[in-house]
Amino acid sequence: MDVASWFISALSGLPPWAVVIFISMLPFIELRGAIPAAMFVYNMPWHEAFLLSVIGNMIPVPFILRYMYDIERIFRRWKIFDRFFDWLFARTRRKAKDKIEKYGYLALLIFVGIPLPMTGAWTGALASYLFAFELRKAFLANFIGVVIAGVIISIVCVTGKAAYLGL
């Protein structure tokens, strides 16, 4: 049994809308996995899959934006996490610094809006924290990026489903 099948069967006692929201809240999966699960596993219409996935994907963002400083401070007490944060933040700064300095919130929006691995609301919220973006503007840029990513994934799923069904 693959991870996706195991995960869906583990949540089988929940209503489908709750599973979709939960899946879209998970880092690394987010709405990139929730929209296809909603459409292909639960046979939800694309607009319902899109809406539930965007809502779920955005739930962690304000908490990350607001509490990441406290979380980092707590975990840095342990040497392994301190080294991990140093590595992660140095890597993120090195890869994104020029784009963030040049384009600011627009770079964040585009980064979140491109539905590729390691891009999304979780990473966008962490980048917002790392580059000290203003909370409301960072939330808005993440939200618009999530909507864009949701539109792209929905189009791919609808097109793929139509092609599969021969419509």
Foldseek 3Di string as FASTA:
>chain_A
DDPVVVLCVVCVVDPLLVSLLQQLQDPQRHLLPSQLCCCPVVVDPNVSSLVSRLVSNLVCLLVLLVCVVVVLVVQCVDVVSVVVVVVVLVVCCVVCVVVCVVPNLQSLLQQQQPPDGPGHRVNSSVVCNSVVPDSVSSSVSRSNSSSNNSVVSSVVSVVVVCVVVVD
